[in-house]
Amino acid sequence: MSQTGRMNLLNFADPKIKTLHVTWFAFFLTFVVWFSHAPLMVFIKEAFDLSSAQVKALLILNVALTIPARIIVGILVDKYGPRIIYTGLLISSSFVCLGFAMADSFEQLALFRFLLGFVGAGFVIGIRLVGEWFPAKQVGIAEGIYGGWGNFGSAAAAMSLPTLGYAFGGDDGWRYTIGSTGIIAALNSILF
């Protein structure tokens, strides 16, 4: 950090900057996992011969648990700290994501999509963590970077996952694509 209080976002030797980058990437991944099904819904709909009402139900279920999850996660962050809870959120969401990828029925898809609403609580964890690492004169920009890059995860998923699905190919390309997001989240939980 310079004398003027500006942040050098490329100074990875600074623990604050390193924490910021690790945290926004974790948030980015939570959004990729959380919204991984939306850009692949056309393939999922075809694989399960879903009705329009079932597709709408999956989209709604994906966000149904998010508000209560943010409250629960906020309580857990206060009790155990953001690093432990973010690690737990990433690893648990990876298993739920893999469950969705391996689902064999609409009911299983619906259950796993409902449970994946929990990953939307990643926002609460990172805001707290970033807020702890930066002084008052820098916390706004740090949280803006965290939130902006994190939320970009949904756009990145929309732009990249269909291509990845086509690359995997076949009837199960969507499964491998969604499963790979879960594996990446699990690997990142170790880094985090």
N, C-alpha and C. Protein backbone atom coordinates (compact mmCIF):
# COMPACT_ATOMS: atom_id res chain seq x y z
N MET A 1 0.85 -1.17 0.00
CA MET A 1 0.00 0.00 0.00
C MET A 1 0.90 1.23 0.00
N SER A 2 0.53 2.22 -0.76
CA SER A 2 1.32 3.43 -0.85
C SER A 2 0.98 4.38 0.31
N GLN A 3 1.75 5.45 0.40
CA GLN A 3 1.53 6.45 1.46
C GLN A 3 0.19 7.16 1.30
N THR A 4 -0.34 7.20 0.08
CA THR A 4 -1.60 7.92 -0.15
C THR A 4 -2.82 7.08 0.19
N GLY A 5 -2.60 5.83 0.55
CA GLY A 5 -3.71 4.97 0.91
C GLY A 5 -4.28 4.20 -0.26
N ARG A 6 -3.68 4.36 -1.44
CA ARG A 6 -4.16 3.61 -2.60
C ARG A 6 -3.73 2.16 -2.51
N MET A 7 -4.51 1.31 -3.15
CA MET A 7 -4.19 -0.11 -3.15
C MET A 7 -3.47 -0.48 -4.43
N ASN A 8 -2.45 -1.29 -4.29
CA ASN A 8 -1.79 -1.88 -5.45
C ASN A 8 -2.34 -3.31 -5.56
N LEU A 9 -3.29 -3.51 -6.44
CA LEU A 9 -3.97 -4.79 -6.55
C LEU A 9 -3.07 -5.91 -7.09
N LEU A 10 -1.89 -5.55 -7.55
CA LEU A 10 -0.96 -6.56 -8.06
C LEU A 10 0.13 -6.90 -7.04
N ASN A 11 0.05 -6.31 -5.87
CA ASN A 11 1.04 -6.58 -4.82
C ASN A 11 0.60 -7.80 -4.00
N PHE A 12 0.89 -8.98 -4.53
CA PHE A 12 0.45 -10.21 -3.88
C PHE A 12 1.24 -10.52 -2.62
N ALA A 13 2.31 -9.77 -2.36
CA ALA A 13 3.06 -9.93 -1.11
C ALA A 13 2.30 -9.32 0.06
N ASP A 14 1.40 -8.39 -0.24
CA ASP A 14 0.57 -7.76 0.79
C ASP A 14 -0.54 -8.73 1.18
N PRO A 15 -0.59 -9.16 2.44
CA PRO A 15 -1.62 -10.13 2.85
C PRO A 15 -3.05 -9.67 2.60
N LYS A 16 -3.28 -8.35 2.70
CA LYS A 16 -4.63 -7.83 2.45
C LYS A 16 -5.03 -8.05 0.99
N ILE A 17 -4.11 -7.77 0.09
CA ILE A 17 -4.40 -7.90 -1.34
C ILE A 17 -4.57 -9.38 -1.69
N LYS A 18 -3.72 -10.21 -1.14
CA LYS A 18 -3.84 -11.65 -1.38
C LYS A 18 -5.19 -12.17 -0.87
N THR A 19 -5.59 -11.73 0.30
CA THR A 19 -6.88 -12.12 0.87
C THR A 19 -8.03 -11.63 -0.01
N LEU A 20 -7.93 -10.41 -0.50
CA LEU A 20 -8.97 -9.87 -1.37
C LEU A 20 -9.13 -10.74 -2.61
N HIS A 21 -8.03 -11.10 -3.25
CA HIS A 21 -8.11 -11.89 -4.47
C HIS A 21 -8.64 -13.30 -4.22
N VAL A 22 -8.18 -13.92 -3.16
CA VAL A 22 -8.66 -15.27 -2.83
C VAL A 22 -10.16 -15.23 -2.50
N THR A 23 -10.58 -14.17 -1.83
CA THR A 23 -11.98 -14.05 -1.41
C THR A 23 -12.90 -13.75 -2.59
N TRP A 24 -12.49 -12.81 -3.47
CA TRP A 24 -13.39 -12.54 -4.60
C TRP A 24 -13.47 -13.75 -5.52
N PHE A 25 -12.38 -14.52 -5.62
CA PHE A 25 -12.45 -15.70 -6.47
C PHE A 25 -13.38 -16.76 -5.86
N ALA A 26 -13.35 -16.89 -4.55
CA ALA A 26 -14.28 -17.81 -3.88
C ALA A 26 -15.73 -17.39 -4.14
N PHE A 27 -15.99 -16.10 -4.04
CA PHE A 27 -17.34 -15.59 -4.30
C PHE A 27 -17.73 -15.81 -5.76
N PHE A 28 -16.79 -15.55 -6.66
CA PHE A 28 -16.99 -15.81 -8.08
C PHE A 28 -17.42 -17.27 -8.30
N LEU A 29 -16.71 -18.19 -7.66
CA LEU A 29 -17.05 -19.61 -7.81
C LEU A 29 -18.42 -19.94 -7.23
N THR A 30 -18.79 -19.31 -6.13
CA THR A 30 -20.12 -19.59 -5.58
C THR A 30 -21.19 -19.19 -6.59
N PHE A 31 -20.99 -18.10 -7.30
CA PHE A 31 -21.96 -17.69 -8.30
C PHE A 31 -21.94 -18.61 -9.52
N VAL A 32 -20.77 -19.08 -9.91
CA VAL A 32 -20.70 -20.04 -11.01
C VAL A 32 -21.48 -21.30 -10.65
N VAL A 33 -21.24 -21.82 -9.44
CA VAL A 33 -21.94 -23.03 -8.99
C VAL A 33 -23.43 -22.76 -8.86
N TRP A 34 -23.77 -21.64 -8.26
CA TRP A 34 -25.17 -21.30 -8.00
C TRP A 34 -25.98 -21.18 -9.29
N PHE A 35 -25.40 -20.58 -10.31
CA PHE A 35 -26.13 -20.34 -11.56
C PHE A 35 -25.66 -21.22 -12.71
N SER A 36 -25.02 -22.34 -12.41
CA SER A 36 -24.50 -23.21 -13.46
C SER A 36 -25.60 -23.88 -14.27
N HIS A 37 -26.76 -24.08 -13.68
CA HIS A 37 -27.82 -24.78 -14.39
C HIS A 37 -28.52 -23.91 -15.43
N ALA A 38 -28.60 -22.62 -15.18
CA ALA A 38 -29.40 -21.75 -16.05
C ALA A 38 -28.95 -21.77 -17.51
N PRO A 39 -27.65 -21.61 -17.79
CA PRO A 39 -27.27 -21.62 -19.21
C PRO A 39 -27.33 -23.01 -19.85
N LEU A 40 -27.49 -24.03 -19.02
CA LEU A 40 -27.57 -25.41 -19.53
C LEU A 40 -28.99 -25.97 -19.47
N MET A 41 -29.94 -25.12 -19.12
CA MET A 41 -31.31 -25.59 -18.90
C MET A 41 -31.92 -26.22 -20.14
N VAL A 42 -31.56 -25.76 -21.32
CA VAL A 42 -32.12 -26.36 -22.53
C VAL A 42 -31.72 -27.84 -22.63
N PHE A 43 -30.50 -28.17 -22.21
CA PHE A 43 -30.04 -29.56 -22.24
C PHE A 43 -30.70 -30.38 -21.13
N ILE A 44 -30.83 -29.76 -19.97
CA ILE A 44 -31.46 -30.44 -18.83
C ILE A 44 -32.93 -30.71 -19.14
N LYS A 45 -33.60 -29.71 -19.71
CA LYS A 45 -35.02 -29.86 -20.07
C LYS A 45 -35.20 -31.03 -21.04
N GLU A 46 -34.31 -31.11 -22.00
CA GLU A 46 -34.40 -32.19 -22.98
C GLU A 46 -34.08 -33.56 -22.36
N ALA A 47 -33.05 -33.61 -21.50
CA ALA A 47 -32.64 -34.87 -20.89
C ALA A 47 -33.73 -35.47 -20.01
N PHE A 48 -34.49 -34.60 -19.34
CA PHE A 48 -35.52 -35.08 -18.42
C PHE A 48 -36.93 -34.89 -18.97
N ASP A 49 -37.04 -34.38 -20.19
CA ASP A 49 -38.33 -34.10 -20.80
C ASP A 49 -39.20 -33.27 -19.84
N LEU A 50 -38.61 -32.18 -19.37
CA LEU A 50 -39.29 -31.32 -18.39
C LEU A 50 -40.33 -30.43 -19.05
N SER A 51 -41.37 -30.16 -18.32
CA SER A 51 -42.37 -29.19 -18.78
C SER A 51 -41.87 -27.78 -18.46
N SER A 52 -42.53 -26.79 -19.03
CA SER A 52 -42.17 -25.40 -18.73
C SER A 52 -42.36 -25.10 -17.25
N ALA A 53 -43.40 -25.66 -16.65
CA ALA A 53 -43.65 -25.45 -15.22
C ALA A 53 -42.52 -26.05 -14.38
N GLN A 54 -42.01 -27.19 -14.77
CA GLN A 54 -40.90 -27.81 -14.02
C GLN A 54 -39.63 -26.98 -14.15
N VAL A 55 -39.37 -26.44 -15.34
CA VAL A 55 -38.21 -25.57 -15.54
C VAL A 55 -38.33 -24.34 -14.65
N LYS A 56 -39.49 -23.73 -14.62
CA LYS A 56 -39.72 -22.56 -13.77
C LYS A 56 -39.53 -22.91 -12.30
N ALA A 57 -40.01 -24.09 -11.91
CA ALA A 57 -39.83 -24.52 -10.52
C ALA A 57 -38.36 -24.64 -10.17
N LEU A 58 -37.55 -25.20 -11.06
CA LEU A 58 -36.11 -25.32 -10.79
C LEU A 58 -35.46 -23.95 -10.64
N LEU A 59 -35.87 -23.02 -11.48
CA LEU A 59 -35.31 -21.67 -11.40
C LEU A 59 -35.69 -20.97 -10.10
N ILE A 60 -36.91 -21.17 -9.65
CA ILE A 60 -37.36 -20.56 -8.38
C ILE A 60 -36.70 -21.25 -7.19
N LEU A 61 -36.64 -22.58 -7.24
CA LEU A 61 -36.03 -23.33 -6.13
C LEU A 61 -34.58 -22.93 -5.92
N ASN A 62 -33.91 -22.52 -6.98
CA ASN A 62 -32.50 -22.15 -6.89
C ASN A 62 -32.25 -20.96 -5.96
N VAL A 63 -33.24 -20.13 -5.78
CA VAL A 63 -33.07 -18.95 -4.93
C VAL A 63 -33.90 -19.02 -3.65
N ALA A 64 -34.73 -20.05 -3.51
CA ALA A 64 -35.67 -20.13 -2.38
C ALA A 64 -34.98 -20.18 -1.02
N LEU A 65 -33.85 -20.80 -0.93
CA LEU A 65 -33.17 -20.98 0.35
C LEU A 65 -32.16 -19.87 0.67
N THR A 66 -31.93 -19.00 -0.28
CA THR A 66 -30.84 -18.02 -0.14
C THR A 66 -31.02 -17.06 1.03
N ILE A 67 -32.18 -16.51 1.21
CA ILE A 67 -32.37 -15.53 2.29
C ILE A 67 -32.17 -16.18 3.66
N PRO A 68 -32.85 -17.29 3.96
CA PRO A 68 -32.58 -17.91 5.27
C PRO A 68 -31.13 -18.39 5.40
N ALA A 69 -30.54 -18.83 4.28
CA ALA A 69 -29.14 -19.28 4.32
C ALA A 69 -28.21 -18.14 4.71
N ARG A 70 -28.47 -16.96 4.21
CA ARG A 70 -27.61 -15.81 4.54
C ARG A 70 -27.69 -15.49 6.03
N ILE A 71 -28.85 -15.65 6.61
CA ILE A 71 -28.98 -15.41 8.06
C ILE A 71 -28.23 -16.48 8.84
N ILE A 72 -28.45 -17.73 8.47
CA ILE A 72 -27.76 -18.84 9.16
C ILE A 72 -26.25 -18.72 9.01
N VAL A 73 -25.80 -18.45 7.80
CA VAL A 73 -24.36 -18.32 7.55
C VAL A 73 -23.80 -17.13 8.31
N GLY A 74 -24.55 -16.04 8.37
CA GLY A 74 -24.09 -14.89 9.14
C GLY A 74 -23.87 -15.24 10.61
N ILE A 75 -24.76 -16.02 11.18
CA ILE A 75 -24.61 -16.47 12.57
C ILE A 75 -23.37 -17.34 12.70
N LEU A 76 -23.19 -18.25 11.74
CA LEU A 76 -22.02 -19.14 11.79
C LEU A 76 -20.71 -18.38 11.61
N VAL A 77 -20.71 -17.36 10.75
CA VAL A 77 -19.52 -16.53 10.57
C VAL A 77 -19.17 -15.83 11.87
N ASP A 78 -20.17 -15.31 12.56
CA ASP A 78 -19.93 -14.65 13.85
C ASP A 78 -19.35 -15.62 14.87
N LYS A 79 -19.77 -16.87 14.80
CA LYS A 79 -19.32 -17.85 15.79
C LYS A 79 -17.97 -18.48 15.44
N TYR A 80 -17.77 -18.84 14.16
CA TYR A 80 -16.57 -19.60 13.78
C TYR A 80 -15.58 -18.84 12.91
N GLY A 81 -15.97 -17.70 12.39
CA GLY A 81 -15.08 -16.92 11.55
C GLY A 81 -15.29 -17.20 10.06
N PRO A 82 -14.95 -16.21 9.23
CA PRO A 82 -15.24 -16.32 7.81
C PRO A 82 -14.42 -17.38 7.06
N ARG A 83 -13.19 -17.60 7.43
CA ARG A 83 -12.38 -18.57 6.68
C ARG A 83 -12.93 -19.99 6.81
N ILE A 84 -13.24 -20.38 8.01
CA ILE A 84 -13.77 -21.73 8.23
C ILE A 84 -15.12 -21.88 7.52
N ILE A 85 -15.97 -20.90 7.63
CA ILE A 85 -17.31 -21.01 7.05
C ILE A 85 -17.26 -20.96 5.52
N TYR A 86 -16.39 -20.12 4.95
CA TYR A 86 -16.28 -20.08 3.48
C TYR A 86 -15.76 -21.42 2.97
N THR A 87 -14.78 -21.98 3.65
CA THR A 87 -14.26 -23.29 3.26
C THR A 87 -15.37 -24.33 3.32
N GLY A 88 -16.14 -24.32 4.39
CA GLY A 88 -17.25 -25.26 4.53
C GLY A 88 -18.32 -25.06 3.47
N LEU A 89 -18.62 -23.80 3.15
CA LEU A 89 -19.63 -23.51 2.13
C LEU A 89 -19.17 -24.02 0.77
N LEU A 90 -17.91 -23.79 0.44
CA LEU A 90 -17.41 -24.24 -0.86
C LEU A 90 -17.43 -25.76 -0.97
N ILE A 91 -16.96 -26.45 0.06
CA ILE A 91 -16.90 -27.91 -0.02
C ILE A 91 -18.30 -28.52 0.00
N SER A 92 -19.18 -28.01 0.85
CA SER A 92 -20.53 -28.59 0.90
C SER A 92 -21.29 -28.30 -0.39
N SER A 93 -21.13 -27.11 -0.95
CA SER A 93 -21.83 -26.81 -2.20
C SER A 93 -21.29 -27.64 -3.35
N SER A 94 -20.02 -28.03 -3.27
CA SER A 94 -19.47 -28.87 -4.34
C SER A 94 -20.16 -30.23 -4.35
N PHE A 95 -20.44 -30.78 -3.17
CA PHE A 95 -21.13 -32.07 -3.10
C PHE A 95 -22.57 -31.96 -3.60
N VAL A 96 -23.24 -30.86 -3.24
CA VAL A 96 -24.61 -30.66 -3.70
C VAL A 96 -24.63 -30.46 -5.22
N CYS A 97 -23.65 -29.74 -5.72
CA CYS A 97 -23.53 -29.52 -7.16
C CYS A 97 -23.32 -30.85 -7.89
N LEU A 98 -22.47 -31.70 -7.35
CA LEU A 98 -22.24 -33.02 -7.94
C LEU A 98 -23.52 -33.86 -7.87
N GLY A 99 -24.27 -33.73 -6.79
CA GLY A 99 -25.55 -34.43 -6.68
C GLY A 99 -26.51 -34.00 -7.77
N PHE A 100 -26.56 -32.70 -8.04
CA PHE A 100 -27.42 -32.21 -9.13
C PHE A 100 -26.97 -32.80 -10.46
N ALA A 101 -25.67 -32.83 -10.68
CA ALA A 101 -25.14 -33.36 -11.94
C ALA A 101 -25.45 -34.84 -12.13
N MET A 102 -25.63 -35.57 -11.03
CA MET A 102 -25.90 -37.01 -11.12
C MET A 102 -27.38 -37.36 -10.93
N ALA A 103 -28.23 -36.35 -10.82
CA ALA A 103 -29.66 -36.59 -10.58
C ALA A 103 -30.28 -37.44 -11.68
N ASP A 104 -31.24 -38.27 -11.27
CA ASP A 104 -31.93 -39.16 -12.21
C ASP A 104 -33.41 -38.85 -12.37
N SER A 105 -33.91 -37.86 -11.65
CA SER A 105 -35.33 -37.53 -11.74
C SER A 105 -35.53 -36.04 -11.49
N PHE A 106 -36.70 -35.56 -11.85
CA PHE A 106 -37.02 -34.16 -11.58
C PHE A 106 -36.97 -33.88 -10.09
N GLU A 107 -37.46 -34.81 -9.29
CA GLU A 107 -37.47 -34.61 -7.83
C GLU A 107 -36.06 -34.43 -7.28
N GLN A 108 -35.13 -35.21 -7.80
CA GLN A 108 -33.73 -35.05 -7.36
C GLN A 108 -33.16 -33.72 -7.84
N LEU A 109 -33.45 -33.36 -9.08
CA LEU A 109 -33.02 -32.05 -9.58
C LEU A 109 -33.55 -30.94 -8.67
N ALA A 110 -34.84 -31.03 -8.33
CA ALA A 110 -35.47 -30.00 -7.51
C ALA A 110 -34.84 -29.93 -6.12
N LEU A 111 -34.58 -31.07 -5.51
CA LEU A 111 -33.97 -31.09 -4.19
C LEU A 111 -32.58 -30.45 -4.21
N PHE A 112 -31.76 -30.85 -5.17
CA PHE A 112 -30.39 -30.30 -5.22
C PHE A 112 -30.38 -28.83 -5.61
N ARG A 113 -31.30 -28.40 -6.46
CA ARG A 113 -31.37 -26.97 -6.78
C ARG A 113 -31.81 -26.18 -5.56
N PHE A 114 -32.74 -26.71 -4.80
CA PHE A 114 -33.17 -26.04 -3.57
C PHE A 114 -31.98 -25.91 -2.61
N LEU A 115 -31.24 -26.99 -2.42
CA LEU A 115 -30.09 -26.96 -1.51
C LEU A 115 -28.98 -26.04 -2.02
N LEU A 116 -28.84 -25.93 -3.33
CA LEU A 116 -27.81 -25.04 -3.87
C LEU A 116 -28.11 -23.57 -3.64
N GLY A 117 -29.33 -23.26 -3.25
CA GLY A 117 -29.62 -21.88 -2.87
C GLY A 117 -28.76 -21.43 -1.70
N PHE A 118 -28.26 -22.39 -0.93
CA PHE A 118 -27.41 -22.10 0.22
C PHE A 118 -26.10 -21.43 -0.19
N VAL A 119 -25.60 -21.76 -1.39
CA VAL A 119 -24.33 -21.20 -1.83
C VAL A 119 -24.42 -19.69 -2.05
N GLY A 120 -25.63 -19.18 -2.21
CA GLY A 120 -25.81 -17.74 -2.35
C GLY A 120 -25.45 -16.96 -1.10
N ALA A 121 -25.20 -17.66 -0.02
CA ALA A 121 -24.79 -17.01 1.23
C ALA A 121 -23.31 -16.65 1.24
N GLY A 122 -22.60 -17.01 0.19
CA GLY A 122 -21.17 -16.67 0.12
C GLY A 122 -20.92 -15.18 0.24
N PHE A 123 -21.86 -14.40 -0.23
CA PHE A 123 -21.72 -12.94 -0.16
C PHE A 123 -21.48 -12.47 1.27
N VAL A 124 -22.25 -13.00 2.20
CA VAL A 124 -22.18 -12.59 3.60
C VAL A 124 -20.78 -12.86 4.17
N ILE A 125 -20.22 -13.99 3.82
CA ILE A 125 -18.93 -14.39 4.38
C ILE A 125 -17.82 -13.46 3.89
N GLY A 126 -17.79 -13.24 2.59
CA GLY A 126 -16.72 -12.42 2.02
C GLY A 126 -16.77 -10.97 2.43
N ILE A 127 -17.97 -10.42 2.54
CA ILE A 127 -18.08 -9.03 2.98
C ILE A 127 -17.47 -8.87 4.37
N ARG A 128 -17.75 -9.82 5.23
CA ARG A 128 -17.17 -9.77 6.58
C ARG A 128 -15.65 -9.90 6.52
N LEU A 129 -15.17 -10.88 5.74
CA LEU A 129 -13.73 -11.13 5.66
C LEU A 129 -12.98 -9.93 5.09
N VAL A 130 -13.48 -9.40 3.99
CA VAL A 130 -12.83 -8.24 3.38
C VAL A 130 -12.89 -7.05 4.33
N GLY A 131 -14.02 -6.87 5.01
CA GLY A 131 -14.16 -5.77 5.96
C GLY A 131 -13.17 -5.84 7.11
N GLU A 132 -12.79 -7.05 7.49
CA GLU A 132 -11.81 -7.23 8.57
C GLU A 132 -10.39 -6.89 8.14
N TRP A 133 -10.09 -7.03 6.85
CA TRP A 133 -8.72 -6.88 6.38
C TRP A 133 -8.36 -5.48 5.91
N PHE A 134 -9.36 -4.64 5.64
CA PHE A 134 -9.06 -3.33 5.07
C PHE A 134 -9.50 -2.20 6.00
N PRO A 135 -8.70 -1.13 6.04
CA PRO A 135 -9.07 0.03 6.87
C PRO A 135 -10.27 0.77 6.26
N ALA A 136 -10.88 1.61 7.07
CA ALA A 136 -12.10 2.31 6.67
C ALA A 136 -11.96 3.06 5.35
N LYS A 137 -10.79 3.63 5.08
CA LYS A 137 -10.60 4.40 3.84
C LYS A 137 -10.45 3.53 2.60
N GLN A 138 -10.34 2.21 2.79
CA GLN A 138 -10.19 1.32 1.64
C GLN A 138 -11.25 0.23 1.58
N VAL A 139 -12.01 0.07 2.62
CA VAL A 139 -12.95 -1.05 2.67
C VAL A 139 -14.03 -0.95 1.59
N GLY A 140 -14.45 0.23 1.24
CA GLY A 140 -15.48 0.38 0.20
C GLY A 140 -15.01 -0.14 -1.14
N ILE A 141 -13.82 0.27 -1.56
CA ILE A 141 -13.31 -0.19 -2.85
C ILE A 141 -13.00 -1.69 -2.79
N ALA A 142 -12.48 -2.16 -1.67
CA ALA A 142 -12.18 -3.59 -1.53
C ALA A 142 -13.46 -4.42 -1.61
N GLU A 143 -14.51 -3.98 -0.94
CA GLU A 143 -15.78 -4.70 -1.00
C GLU A 143 -16.43 -4.57 -2.38
N GLY A 144 -16.20 -3.44 -3.04
CA GLY A 144 -16.70 -3.28 -4.41
C GLY A 144 -16.03 -4.26 -5.37
N ILE A 145 -14.73 -4.44 -5.21
CA ILE A 145 -14.00 -5.42 -6.03
C ILE A 145 -14.51 -6.82 -5.73
N TYR A 146 -14.63 -7.12 -4.45
CA TYR A 146 -15.12 -8.43 -4.03
C TYR A 146 -16.51 -8.70 -4.63
N GLY A 147 -17.43 -7.78 -4.44
CA GLY A 147 -18.79 -7.98 -4.91
C GLY A 147 -18.91 -7.98 -6.42
N GLY A 148 -18.19 -7.08 -7.06
CA GLY A 148 -18.26 -6.99 -8.52
C GLY A 148 -17.72 -8.23 -9.21
N TRP A 149 -16.52 -8.63 -8.83
CA TRP A 149 -15.93 -9.82 -9.46
C TRP A 149 -16.69 -11.07 -9.05
N GLY A 150 -17.18 -11.10 -7.84
CA GLY A 150 -17.94 -12.26 -7.41
C GLY A 150 -19.22 -12.42 -8.19
N ASN A 151 -19.98 -11.34 -8.32
CA ASN A 151 -21.23 -11.40 -9.07
C ASN A 151 -21.01 -11.71 -10.55
N PHE A 152 -19.83 -11.39 -11.04
CA PHE A 152 -19.51 -11.70 -12.43
C PHE A 152 -19.52 -13.22 -12.68
N GLY A 153 -19.45 -14.00 -11.61
CA GLY A 153 -19.48 -15.46 -11.76
C GLY A 153 -20.71 -15.95 -12.50
N SER A 154 -21.86 -15.31 -12.28
CA SER A 154 -23.06 -15.75 -12.99
C SER A 154 -22.95 -15.45 -14.48
N ALA A 155 -22.38 -14.30 -14.82
CA ALA A 155 -22.19 -13.97 -16.23
C ALA A 155 -21.15 -14.88 -16.87
N ALA A 156 -20.09 -15.16 -16.13
CA ALA A 156 -19.05 -16.06 -16.64
C ALA A 156 -19.62 -17.45 -16.89
N ALA A 157 -20.49 -17.90 -15.99
CA ALA A 157 -21.14 -19.20 -16.18
C ALA A 157 -21.99 -19.19 -17.44
N ALA A 158 -22.76 -18.13 -17.62
CA ALA A 158 -23.63 -18.04 -18.79
C ALA A 158 -22.83 -18.01 -20.09
N MET A 159 -21.66 -17.40 -20.05
CA MET A 159 -20.85 -17.28 -21.26
C MET A 159 -20.02 -18.54 -21.55
N SER A 160 -19.59 -19.23 -20.52
CA SER A 160 -18.63 -20.32 -20.74
C SER A 160 -19.19 -21.73 -20.62
N LEU A 161 -20.17 -21.94 -19.78
CA LEU A 161 -20.63 -23.30 -19.53
C LEU A 161 -21.30 -23.97 -20.73
N PRO A 162 -22.08 -23.27 -21.54
CA PRO A 162 -22.61 -23.95 -22.73
C PRO A 162 -21.50 -24.44 -23.66
N THR A 163 -20.45 -23.65 -23.81
CA THR A 163 -19.32 -24.07 -24.64
C THR A 163 -18.64 -25.29 -24.05
N LEU A 164 -18.47 -25.29 -22.74
CA LEU A 164 -17.88 -26.45 -22.07
C LEU A 164 -18.77 -27.67 -22.23
N GLY A 165 -20.07 -27.48 -22.15
CA GLY A 165 -21.01 -28.58 -22.35
C GLY A 165 -20.88 -29.18 -23.75
N TYR A 166 -20.74 -28.31 -24.75
CA TYR A 166 -20.55 -28.79 -26.12
C TYR A 166 -19.21 -29.51 -26.25
N ALA A 167 -18.20 -29.00 -25.56
CA ALA A 167 -16.88 -29.65 -25.62
C ALA A 167 -16.92 -31.05 -25.02
N PHE A 168 -17.62 -31.20 -23.90
CA PHE A 168 -17.79 -32.54 -23.32
C PHE A 168 -18.60 -33.42 -24.27
N GLY A 169 -19.62 -32.83 -24.87
CA GLY A 169 -20.43 -33.51 -25.86
C GLY A 169 -21.33 -34.59 -25.30
N GLY A 170 -22.15 -35.11 -26.17
CA GLY A 170 -23.05 -36.19 -25.81
C GLY A 170 -24.21 -35.75 -24.95
N ASP A 171 -25.03 -36.72 -24.60
CA ASP A 171 -26.21 -36.45 -23.80
C ASP A 171 -25.87 -36.01 -22.38
N ASP A 172 -24.69 -36.38 -21.90
CA ASP A 172 -24.29 -36.04 -20.53
C ASP A 172 -23.32 -34.88 -20.44
N GLY A 173 -23.13 -34.15 -21.52
CA GLY A 173 -22.22 -33.00 -21.49
C GLY A 173 -22.58 -32.00 -20.41
N TRP A 174 -23.89 -31.77 -20.23
CA TRP A 174 -24.33 -30.82 -19.20
C TRP A 174 -23.96 -31.34 -17.81
N ARG A 175 -24.03 -32.66 -17.61
CA ARG A 175 -23.69 -33.25 -16.31
C ARG A 175 -22.21 -33.04 -16.00
N TYR A 176 -21.36 -33.31 -16.98
CA TYR A 176 -19.92 -33.13 -16.77
C TYR A 176 -19.57 -31.66 -16.52
N THR A 177 -20.27 -30.79 -17.21
CA THR A 177 -20.03 -29.35 -17.06
C THR A 177 -20.40 -28.90 -15.65
N ILE A 178 -21.59 -29.23 -15.21
CA ILE A 178 -22.02 -28.83 -13.87
C ILE A 178 -21.16 -29.53 -12.81
N GLY A 179 -20.87 -30.79 -13.02
CA GLY A 179 -20.00 -31.51 -12.08
C GLY A 179 -18.62 -30.88 -11.97
N SER A 180 -18.10 -30.40 -13.10
CA SER A 180 -16.77 -29.78 -13.06
C SER A 180 -16.77 -28.49 -12.24
N THR A 181 -17.89 -27.76 -12.24
CA THR A 181 -17.94 -26.56 -11.39
C THR A 181 -17.89 -26.95 -9.92
N GLY A 182 -18.53 -28.07 -9.58
CA GLY A 182 -18.47 -28.57 -8.21
C GLY A 182 -17.06 -29.00 -7.81
N ILE A 183 -16.37 -29.64 -8.72
CA ILE A 183 -14.99 -30.08 -8.45
C ILE A 183 -14.08 -28.87 -8.27
N ILE A 184 -14.25 -27.86 -9.10
CA ILE A 184 -13.43 -26.64 -8.97
C ILE A 184 -13.71 -25.97 -7.62
N ALA A 185 -14.97 -25.93 -7.20
CA ALA A 185 -15.30 -25.35 -5.89
C ALA A 185 -14.65 -26.14 -4.77
N ALA A 186 -14.63 -27.47 -4.87
CA ALA A 186 -13.99 -28.31 -3.85
C ALA A 186 -12.50 -28.04 -3.80
N LEU A 187 -11.86 -27.95 -4.95
CA LEU A 187 -10.42 -27.66 -4.99
C LEU A 187 -10.13 -26.28 -4.41
N ASN A 188 -10.99 -25.32 -4.73
CA ASN A 188 -10.79 -23.99 -4.19
C ASN A 188 -10.99 -23.93 -2.68
N SER A 189 -11.83 -24.81 -2.15
CA SER A 189 -12.02 -24.83 -0.69
C SER A 189 -10.72 -25.18 0.02
N ILE A 190 -9.90 -26.01 -0.61
CA ILE A 190 -8.60 -26.36 -0.05
C ILE A 190 -7.69 -25.13 -0.06
N LEU A 191 -7.67 -24.41 -1.17
CA LEU A 191 -6.87 -23.19 -1.28
C LEU A 191 -7.32 -22.16 -0.27
N PHE A 192 -8.64 -22.02 -0.13
CA PHE A 192 -9.17 -21.00 0.75
C PHE A 192 -8.81 -21.29 2.19
